[in-house]
C-alpha atoms as a PDB file:
ATOM      1  CA  UNK A   1      14.379  16.677  31.444  1.00  0.00           C
ATOM      2  CA  UNK A   2      16.510  14.886  34.046  1.00  0.00           C
ATOM      3  CA  UNK A   3      17.086  11.181  33.525  1.00  0.00           C
ATOM      4  CA  UNK A   4      16.451  10.713  37.262  1.00  0.00           C
ATOM      5  CA  UNK A   5      12.830  11.809  36.827  1.00  0.00           C
ATOM      6  CA  UNK A   6      12.056   9.502  33.912  1.00  0.00           C
ATOM      7  CA  UNK A   7       9.741   6.654  34.878  1.00  0.00           C
ATOM      8  CA  UNK A   8       7.531   6.099  31.827  1.00  0.00           C
ATOM      9  CA  UNK A   9       7.906   5.155  28.177  1.00  0.00           C
ATOM     10  CA  UNK A  10       6.318   8.473  27.165  1.00  0.00           C
ATOM     11  CA  UNK A  11       9.036  10.389  29.010  1.00  0.00           C
ATOM     12  CA  UNK A  12      11.790   8.278  27.443  1.00  0.00           C
ATOM     13  CA  UNK A  13      10.362   8.880  23.961  1.00  0.00           C
ATOM     14  CA  UNK A  14      10.107  12.620  24.688  1.00  0.00           C
ATOM     15  CA  UNK A  15      13.734  12.765  25.827  1.00  0.00           C
ATOM     16  CA  UNK A  16      14.894  11.043  22.643  1.00  0.00           C
ATOM     17  CA  UNK A  17      12.831  13.500  20.572  1.00  0.00           C
ATOM     18  CA  UNK A  18      14.388  16.435  22.433  1.00  0.00           C
ATOM     19  CA  UNK A  19      17.859  15.076  21.675  1.00  0.00           C
ATOM     20  CA  UNK A  20      17.007  14.761  17.968  1.00  0.00           C
ATOM     21  CA  UNK A  21      15.607  18.294  17.794  1.00  0.00           C
ATOM     22  CA  UNK A  22      18.764  19.548  19.531  1.00  0.00           C
ATOM     23  CA  UNK A  23      20.885  17.683  16.942  1.00  0.00           C
ATOM     24  CA  UNK A  24      22.445  15.559  19.677  1.00  0.00           C
ATOM     25  CA  UNK A  25      21.378  12.260  18.057  1.00  0.00           C
ATOM     26  CA  UNK A  26      22.537  11.862  14.481  1.00  0.00           C
ATOM     27  CA  UNK A  27      20.687   9.968  11.741  1.00  0.00           C
ATOM     28  CA  UNK A  28      21.467   6.257  11.924  1.00  0.00           C
ATOM     29  CA  UNK A  29      22.403   6.314  15.627  1.00  0.00           C
ATOM     30  CA  UNK A  30      21.880   2.904  17.221  1.00  0.00           C
ATOM     31  CA  UNK A  31      19.613   3.003  20.280  1.00  0.00           C
ATOM     32  CA  UNK A  32      20.626   0.028  22.401  1.00  0.00           C
ATOM     33  CA  UNK A  33      17.960  -1.293  24.754  1.00  0.00           C
ATOM     34  CA  UNK A  34      20.428  -2.209  27.489  1.00  0.00           C
ATOM     35  CA  UNK A  35      22.268   1.113  27.357  1.00  0.00           C
ATOM     36  CA  UNK A  36      19.041   3.123  27.493  1.00  0.00           C
ATOM     37  CA  UNK A  37      17.758   0.926  30.305  1.00  0.00           C
ATOM     38  CA  UNK A  38      20.875   1.665  32.360  1.00  0.00           C
ATOM     39  CA  UNK A  39      20.895   5.353  31.466  1.00  0.00           C
ATOM     40  CA  UNK A  40      17.307   5.998  32.501  1.00  0.00           C
ATOM     41  CA  UNK A  41      17.231   3.454  35.323  1.00  0.00           C
ATOM     42  CA  UNK A  42      14.182   1.653  33.950  1.00  0.00           C
ATOM     43  CA  UNK A  43      13.370  -1.805  32.647  1.00  0.00           C
ATOM     44  CA  UNK A  44      14.107  -2.839  29.062  1.00  0.00           C
ATOM     45  CA  UNK A  45      10.353  -3.327  28.686  1.00  0.00           C
ATOM     46  CA  UNK A  46       9.789   0.401  29.194  1.00  0.00           C
ATOM     47  CA  UNK A  47      12.607   1.184  26.761  1.00  0.00           C
ATOM     48  CA  UNK A  48      11.045  -1.063  24.107  1.00  0.00           C
ATOM     49  CA  UNK A  49       7.680   0.631  24.636  1.00  0.00           C
ATOM     50  CA  UNK A  50       9.287   4.036  24.151  1.00  0.00           C
ATOM     51  CA  UNK A  51      11.137   2.985  21.002  1.00  0.00           C
ATOM     52  CA  UNK A  52       7.976   1.376  19.618  1.00  0.00           C
ATOM     53  CA  UNK A  53       6.194   4.716  20.079  1.00  0.00           C
ATOM     54  CA  UNK A  54       8.909   6.402  18.039  1.00  0.00           C
ATOM     55  CA  UNK A  55       8.704   3.729  15.331  1.00  0.00           C
ATOM     56  CA  UNK A  56       4.970   4.460  15.062  1.00  0.00           C
ATOM     57  CA  UNK A  57       5.757   8.162  14.728  1.00  0.00           C
ATOM     58  CA  UNK A  58       8.323   7.478  11.977  1.00  0.00           C
ATOM     59  CA  UNK A  59      11.347   8.690  13.960  1.00  0.00           C
ATOM     60  CA  UNK A  60      12.980   5.326  14.741  1.00  0.00           C
ATOM     61  CA  UNK A  61      13.327   2.180  12.660  1.00  0.00           C
ATOM     62  CA  UNK A  62      13.797  -1.363  13.946  1.00  0.00           C
ATOM     63  CA  UNK A  63      15.408  -4.503  12.545  1.00  0.00           C
ATOM     64  CA  UNK A  64      14.975  -7.917  14.130  1.00  0.00           C
ATOM     65  CA  UNK A  65      18.689  -8.646  13.682  1.00  0.00           C
ATOM     66  CA  UNK A  66      20.293  -5.222  14.093  1.00  0.00           C
ATOM     67  CA  UNK A  67      18.124  -3.431  16.667  1.00  0.00           C
ATOM     68  CA  UNK A  68      16.717   0.111  16.917  1.00  0.00           C
ATOM     69  CA  UNK A  69      18.083   3.083  14.964  1.00  0.00           C
ATOM     70  CA  UNK A  70      17.271   6.760  14.434  1.00  0.00           C
ATOM     71  CA  UNK A  71      15.931   7.119  10.897  1.00  0.00           C
ATOM     72  CA  UNK A  72      18.091   8.439   8.058  1.00  0.00           C
ATOM     73  CA  UNK A  73      15.761  10.620   5.948  1.00  0.00           C
ATOM     74  CA  UNK A  74      16.531  11.116   2.284  1.00  0.00           C
ATOM     75  CA  UNK A  75      16.295  14.525   0.538  1.00  0.00           C
ATOM     76  CA  UNK A  76      12.945  13.322  -0.829  1.00  0.00           C
ATOM     77  CA  UNK A  77      11.756  12.615   2.722  1.00  0.00           C
ATOM     78  CA  UNK A  78      12.755  16.152   3.711  1.00  0.00           C
ATOM     79  CA  UNK A  79      10.798  17.690   0.831  1.00  0.00           C
ATOM     80  CA  UNK A  80       7.706  15.725   1.819  1.00  0.00           C
ATOM     81  CA  UNK A  81       8.118  16.799   5.441  1.00  0.00           C
ATOM     82  CA  UNK A  82       8.302  20.454   4.430  1.00  0.00           C
ATOM     83  CA  UNK A  83       5.267  20.093   2.191  1.00  0.00           C
ATOM     84  CA  UNK A  84       3.342  18.661   5.138  1.00  0.00           C
ATOM     85  CA  UNK A  85       4.590  21.441   7.428  1.00  0.00           C
ATOM     86  CA  UNK A  86       3.403  24.064   4.955  1.00  0.00           C
ATOM     87  CA  UNK A  87      -0.068  22.511   4.807  1.00  0.00           C
ATOM     88  CA  UNK A  88      -0.341  22.442   8.601  1.00  0.00           C
ATOM     89  CA  UNK A  89       1.287  25.754   9.557  1.00  0.00           C
ATOM     90  CA  UNK A  90      -0.142  27.920   6.791  1.00  0.00           C
ATOM     91  CA  UNK A  91      -3.562  26.322   7.211  1.00  0.00           C
ATOM     92  CA  UNK A  92      -3.545  27.036  10.947  1.00  0.00           C
ATOM     93  CA  UNK A  93      -2.737  30.701  10.364  1.00  0.00           C
ATOM     94  CA  UNK A  94      -5.264  31.020   7.560  1.00  0.00           C
ATOM     95  CA  UNK A  95      -8.108  29.788   9.751  1.00  0.00           C
ATOM     96  CA  UNK A  96      -6.874  31.051  13.120  1.00  0.00           C
ATOM     97  CA  UNK A  97      -8.892  33.181  15.491  1.00  0.00           C
ATOM     98  CA  UNK A  98      -7.284  36.330  16.925  1.00  0.00           C
ATOM     99  CA  UNK A  99      -4.478  35.280  19.238  1.00  0.00           C
ATOM    100  CA  UNK A 100      -4.607  36.263  22.916  1.00  0.00           C
ATOM    101  CA  UNK A 101      -2.179  38.635  24.659  1.00  0.00           C
ATOM    102  CA  UNK A 102      -1.105  35.761  26.915  1.00  0.00           C
ATOM    103  CA  UNK A 103      -0.204  33.646  23.883  1.00  0.00           C
ATOM    104  CA  UNK A 104       1.729  36.546  22.344  1.00  0.00           C
ATOM    105  CA  UNK A 105       3.753  36.935  25.541  1.00  0.00           C
ATOM    106  CA  UNK A 106       4.474  33.181  25.571  1.00  0.00           C
ATOM    107  CA  UNK A 107       5.808  33.399  22.022  1.00  0.00           C
ATOM    108  CA  UNK A 108       7.885  36.476  22.864  1.00  0.00           C
ATOM    109  CA  UNK A 109       9.372  34.629  25.830  1.00  0.00           C
ATOM    110  CA  UNK A 110      10.210  31.724  23.527  1.00  0.00           C
ATOM    111  CA  UNK A 111      11.968  34.109  21.129  1.00  0.00           C
ATOM    112  CA  UNK A 112      13.960  35.626  24.007  1.00  0.00           C
ATOM    113  CA  UNK A 113      15.235  32.137  24.839  1.00  0.00           C
ATOM    114  CA  UNK A 114      16.123  31.611  21.154  1.00  0.00           C
ATOM    115  CA  UNK A 115      18.137  34.830  21.184  1.00  0.00           C
ATOM    116  CA  UNK A 116      19.927  33.860  24.399  1.00  0.00           C
ATOM    117  CA  UNK A 117      20.892  30.471  22.931  1.00  0.00           C
ATOM    118  CA  UNK A 118      22.204  32.128  19.765  1.00  0.00           C
ATOM    119  CA  UNK A 119      24.221  34.706  21.691  1.00  0.00           C
ATOM    120  CA  UNK A 120      25.564  32.009  24.017  1.00  0.00           C
ATOM    121  CA  UNK A 121      26.577  29.804  21.075  1.00  0.00           C
ATOM    122  CA  UNK A 122      24.613  26.857  22.502  1.00  0.00           C
ATOM    123  CA  UNK A 123      24.061  24.908  19.275  1.00  0.00           C
ATOM    124  CA  UNK A 124      21.867  22.240  20.874  1.00  0.00           C
ATOM    125  CA  UNK A 125      19.531  24.692  22.615  1.00  0.00           C
ATOM    126  CA  UNK A 126      19.521  26.902  19.529  1.00  0.00           C
ATOM    127  CA  UNK A 127      18.433  24.100  17.226  1.00  0.00           C
ATOM    128  CA  UNK A 128      15.807  22.826  19.668  1.00  0.00           C
ATOM    129  CA  UNK A 129      14.246  26.240  20.338  1.00  0.00           C
ATOM    130  CA  UNK A 130      14.159  27.333  16.693  1.00  0.00           C
ATOM    131  CA  UNK A 131      12.285  24.153  15.768  1.00  0.00           C
ATOM    132  CA  UNK A 132      10.099  24.200  18.863  1.00  0.00           C
ATOM    133  CA  UNK A 133       8.875  27.727  18.039  1.00  0.00           C
ATOM    134  CA  UNK A 134       6.606  26.220  15.405  1.00  0.00           C
ATOM    135  CA  UNK A 135       5.208  23.687  17.866  1.00  0.00           C
ATOM    136  CA  UNK A 136       4.664  26.434  20.458  1.00  0.00           C
ATOM    137  CA  UNK A 137       2.881  28.597  17.871  1.00  0.00           C
ATOM    138  CA  UNK A 138       0.626  25.692  16.959  1.00  0.00           C
ATOM    139  CA  UNK A 139      -0.275  25.249  20.635  1.00  0.00           C
ATOM    140  CA  UNK A 140      -0.882  28.983  21.076  1.00  0.00           C
ATOM    141  CA  UNK A 141      -3.275  28.846  18.135  1.00  0.00           C
ATOM    142  CA  UNK A 142      -5.240  26.240  20.098  1.00  0.00           C
ATOM    143  CA  UNK A 143      -4.437  22.991  18.300  1.00  0.00           C
ATOM    144  CA  UNK A 144      -2.497  20.614  20.554  1.00  0.00           C
ATOM    145  CA  UNK A 145      -3.409  17.626  18.365  1.00  0.00           C
ATOM    146  CA  UNK A 146      -1.560  19.005  15.346  1.00  0.00           C
ATOM    147  CA  UNK A 147       1.331  20.193  17.519  1.00  0.00           C
ATOM    148  CA  UNK A 148       2.404  16.563  18.104  1.00  0.00           C
ATOM    149  CA  UNK A 149       2.357  15.911  14.359  1.00  0.00           C
ATOM    150  CA  UNK A 150       4.310  19.101  13.738  1.00  0.00           C
ATOM    151  CA  UNK A 151       6.939  18.093  16.314  1.00  0.00           C
ATOM    152  CA  UNK A 152       7.533  14.819  14.448  1.00  0.00           C
ATOM    153  CA  UNK A 153       7.801  16.591  11.089  1.00  0.00           C
ATOM    154  CA  UNK A 154      10.250  19.092  12.557  1.00  0.00           C
ATOM    155  CA  UNK A 155      12.359  16.212  13.868  1.00  0.00           C
ATOM    156  CA  UNK A 156      12.479  14.714  10.373  1.00  0.00           C
ATOM    157  CA  UNK A 157      13.710  17.961   8.807  1.00  0.00           C
ATOM    158  CA  UNK A 158      16.242  18.363  11.642  1.00  0.00           C
ATOM    159  CA  UNK A 159      17.659  14.892  10.959  1.00  0.00           C
ATOM    160  CA  UNK A 160      18.013  15.733   7.272  1.00  0.00           C
ATOM    161  CA  UNK A 161      20.035  18.812   8.199  1.00  0.00           C
ATOM    162  CA  UNK A 162      22.341  17.218  10.749  1.00  0.00           C
ATOM    163  CA  UNK A 163      25.156  19.397   9.421  1.00  0.00           C
ATOM    164  CA  UNK A 164      24.882  22.216  11.949  1.00  0.00           C
ATOM    165  CA  UNK A 165      23.027  25.373  11.071  1.00  0.00           C
ATOM    166  CA  UNK A 166      25.309  28.388  11.001  1.00  0.00           C
ATOM    167  CA  UNK A 167      24.938  31.221  13.500  1.00  0.00           C
ATOM    168  CA  UNK A 168      23.958  33.549  10.660  1.00  0.00           C
ATOM    169  CA  UNK A 169      21.138  31.250   9.522  1.00  0.00           C
ATOM    170  CA  UNK A 170      19.966  30.882  13.135  1.00  0.00           C
ATOM    171  CA  UNK A 171      19.855  34.653  13.581  1.00  0.00           C
ATOM    172  CA  UNK A 172      17.838  35.005  10.365  1.00  0.00           C
ATOM    173  CA  UNK A 173      15.347  32.365  11.509  1.00  0.00           C
ATOM    174  CA  UNK A 174      14.948  34.040  14.883  1.00  0.00           C
ATOM    175  CA  UNK A 175      14.401  37.442  13.231  1.00  0.00           C
ATOM    176  CA  UNK A 176      11.702  35.927  11.015  1.00  0.00           C
ATOM    177  CA  UNK A 177      10.004  34.502  14.106  1.00  0.00           C
ATOM    178  CA  UNK A 178       9.941  38.037  15.545  1.00  0.00           C
ATOM    179  CA  UNK A 179       8.182  39.369  12.421  1.00  0.00           C
ATOM    180  CA  UNK A 180       5.606  36.558  12.478  1.00  0.00           C
ATOM    181  CA  UNK A 181       4.713  37.237  16.113  1.00  0.00           C
ATOM    182  CA  UNK A 182       4.520  40.990  15.423  1.00  0.00           C
ATOM    183  CA  UNK A 183       2.005  40.349  12.627  1.00  0.00           C
ATOM    184  CA  UNK A 184      -0.042  38.128  14.949  1.00  0.00           C
ATOM    185  CA  UNK A 185      -0.002  40.838  17.626  1.00  0.00           C
ATOM    186  CA  UNK A 186      -1.379  43.335  15.082  1.00  0.00           C
ATOM    187  CA  UNK A 187      -4.108  40.854  14.220  1.00  0.00           C
ATOM    188  CA  UNK A 188      -2.875  40.649  10.616  1.00  0.00           C
ATOM    189  CA  UNK A 189      -3.240  36.916  10.026  1.00  0.00           C
ATOM    190  CA  UNK A 190      -2.756  37.260   6.263  1.00  0.00           C
ATOM    191  CA  UNK A 191       0.646  38.877   6.803  1.00  0.00           C
ATOM    192  CA  UNK A 192       1.564  36.240   9.389  1.00  0.00           C
ATOM    193  CA  UNK A 193       0.692  33.491   6.902  1.00  0.00           C
ATOM    194  CA  UNK A 194       2.787  35.106   4.156  1.00  0.00           C
ATOM    195  CA  UNK A 195       5.719  35.592   6.532  1.00  0.00           C
ATOM    196  CA  UNK A 196       5.493  31.953   7.637  1.00  0.00           C
ATOM    197  CA  UNK A 197       5.418  30.811   4.008  1.00  0.00           C
ATOM    198  CA  UNK A 198       8.587  32.793   3.259  1.00  0.00           C
ATOM    199  CA  UNK A 199      10.219  31.580   6.474  1.00  0.00           C
ATOM    200  CA  UNK A 200       9.662  27.908   5.658  1.00  0.00           C
ATOM    201  CA  UNK A 201      11.021  28.500   2.169  1.00  0.00           C
ATOM    202  CA  UNK A 202      14.182  30.046   3.630  1.00  0.00           C
ATOM    203  CA  UNK A 203      14.659  27.195   6.100  1.00  0.00           C
ATOM    204  CA  UNK A 204      14.176  24.560   3.403  1.00  0.00           C
ATOM    205  CA  UNK A 205      16.591  26.373   1.080  1.00  0.00           C
ATOM    206  CA  UNK A 206      19.150  26.435   3.889  1.00  0.00           C
ATOM    207  CA  UNK A 207      18.803  22.702   4.393  1.00  0.00           C
ATOM    208  CA  UNK A 208      19.285  22.101   0.687  1.00  0.00           C
ATOM    209  CA  UNK A 209      22.609  23.967   0.859  1.00  0.00           C
ATOM    210  CA  UNK A 210      23.974  21.784   3.648  1.00  0.00           C
ATOM    211  CA  UNK A 211      22.110  18.632   2.717  1.00  0.00           C
ATOM    212  CA  UNK A 212      23.852  15.464   1.635  1.00  0.00           C
ATOM    213  CA  UNK A 213      23.895  15.634  -2.154  1.00  0.00           C
ATOM    214  CA  UNK A 214      26.319  12.708  -2.413  1.00  0.00           C
ATOM    215  CA  UNK A 215      25.097   9.708  -0.371  1.00  0.00           C
ATOM    216  CA  UNK A 216      28.669   8.351  -0.366  1.00  0.00           C
ATOM    217  CA  UNK A 217      30.254  11.734   0.364  1.00  0.00           C
ATOM    218  CA  UNK A 218      31.319  11.055   3.940  1.00  0.00           C
ATOM    219  CA  UNK A 219      32.759   7.627   3.101  1.00  0.00           C
ATOM    220  CA  UNK A 220      34.367   8.999  -0.066  1.00  0.00           C
ATOM    221  CA  UNK A 221      36.163  11.687   1.938  1.00  0.00           C
ATOM    222  CA  UNK A 222      37.248   9.228   4.622  1.00  0.00           C
ATOM    223  CA  UNK A 223      38.741   6.817   2.064  1.00  0.00           C
ATOM    224  CA  UNK A 224      40.432   9.443  -0.097  1.00  0.00           C
ATOM    225  CA  UNK A 225      44.170   8.860  -0.698  1.00  0.00           C
ATOM    226  CA  UNK A 226      46.195  10.302   2.150  1.00  0.00           C
ATOM    227  CA  UNK A 227      48.173  12.476  -0.258  1.00  0.00           C
ATOM    228  CA  UNK A 228      44.884  14.047  -1.375  1.00  0.00           C
ATOM    229  CA  UNK A 229      44.493  15.692   2.018  1.00  0.00           C
ATOM    230  CA  UNK A 230      48.114  16.773   2.270  1.00  0.00           C
ATOM    231  CA  UNK A 231      49.329  13.970   4.534  1.00  0.00           C
ATOM    232  CA  UNK A 232      51.560  11.530   2.663  1.00  0.00           C
ATOM    233  CA  UNK A 233      53.331   8.791   4.601  1.00  0.00           C
ATOM    234  CA  UNK A 234      57.053   8.357   4.143  1.00  0.00           C
ATOM    235  CA  UNK A 235      57.698   4.907   2.708  1.00  0.00           C
ATOM    236  CA  UNK A 236      60.688   2.793   3.819  1.00  0.00           C
ATOM    237  CA  UNK A 237      62.286   3.259   0.388  1.00  0.00           C
ATOM    238  CA  UNK A 238      62.041   7.044   0.678  1.00  0.00           C
ATOM    239  CA  UNK A 239      63.471   6.939   4.177  1.00  0.00           C
ATOM    240  CA  UNK A 240      66.481   4.891   3.018  1.00  0.00           C
ATOM    241  CA  UNK A 241      67.182   7.323   0.176  1.00  0.00           C
ATOM    242  CA  UNK A 242      66.921  10.289   2.533  1.00  0.00           C
ATOM    243  CA  UNK A 243      69.230   8.597   5.056  1.00  0.00           C
ATOM    244  CA  UNK A 244      71.746   7.715   2.347  1.00  0.00           C
ATOM    245  CA  UNK A 245      71.920  11.340   1.244  1.00  0.00           C
ATOM    246  CA  UNK A 246      72.318  12.588   4.822  1.00  0.00           C
ATOM    247  CA  UNK A 247      74.663   9.782   5.892  1.00  0.00           C
ATOM    248  CA  UNK A 248      72.489   8.948   8.914  1.00  0.00           C
ATOM    249  CA  UNK A 249      70.858   5.706   9.925  1.00  0.00           C
ATOM    250  CA  UNK A 250      67.108   5.508  10.057  1.00  0.00           C
ATOM    251  CA  UNK A 251      65.079   4.444  13.033  1.00  0.00           C
ATOM    252  CA  UNK A 252      62.035   2.257  12.918  1.00  0.00           C
ATOM    253  CA  UNK A 253      58.813   4.280  12.850  1.00  0.00           C
ATOM    254  CA  UNK A 254      56.068   3.286  15.231  1.00  0.00           C
ATOM    255  CA  UNK A 255      52.493   3.886  14.105  1.00  0.00           C
ATOM    256  CA  UNK A 256      51.207   3.323  17.640  1.00  0.00           C
ATOM    257  CA  UNK A 257      49.461   6.385  19.051  1.00  0.00           C
ATOM    258  CA  UNK A 258      51.199   8.088  21.934  1.00  0.00           C
ATOM    259  CA  UNK A 259      47.779   8.620  23.508  1.00  0.00           C
ATOM    260  CA  UNK A 260      44.553   6.664  23.158  1.00  0.00           C
ATOM    261  CA  UNK A 261      42.452   7.938  20.295  1.00  0.00           C
ATOM    262  CA  UNK A 262      45.189   9.862  18.517  1.00  0.00           C
ATOM    263  CA  UNK A 263      45.842   9.272  14.842  1.00  0.00           C
END
């Protein structure tokens, strides 16, 4: 969706959701009213309306002092989201009517776009399309009301797995989508339900592998002693000893980056 075409709070909220599903907005990202207002060319009132919609849907949190932020789901939140997804998706397949040929072709087209994103190494499109398959399936089964709920739950599990999914995992997910659609085309809803159950288990297991087991892991790694990552600084005392052995004078070392942003 182009930012030029956005004129309503619903469209702003949808664009933010798309960015989350594409893993372009990380958990804890601050969503500044002024910045979003300038980006979309709308009033801050519309931005606040959009963010309030996302707060209601459990995707954004707000603090009177700090502002608006993308939620940071815990592993427990992810488990609950997957439990809810299983109830919705397996229940839909269990009670579904035979799916139409038009719906099957729509799902096949969706899978073709998944495959193109995987082959093109477009991580954002890949993540978005793999998650959106479940929403599209829900819509093809005739329940647009639950599709909105499913989109929000998918966003929650995506935020929990902000470490990028590997190409191999993406290919496996896409292949499982193919098998689910094939079962639906045969009219074998029981097989489709079982395949979906196994698929969700595989996806959840994959998230557990890359999930944040140590809540302080990122900070712990950032603050590790420099020598622990193979980069020890030369102290003035060491430099003097080295110079004395070589008979050369030392020069002052500047820690100023030669280019902005270098370290």
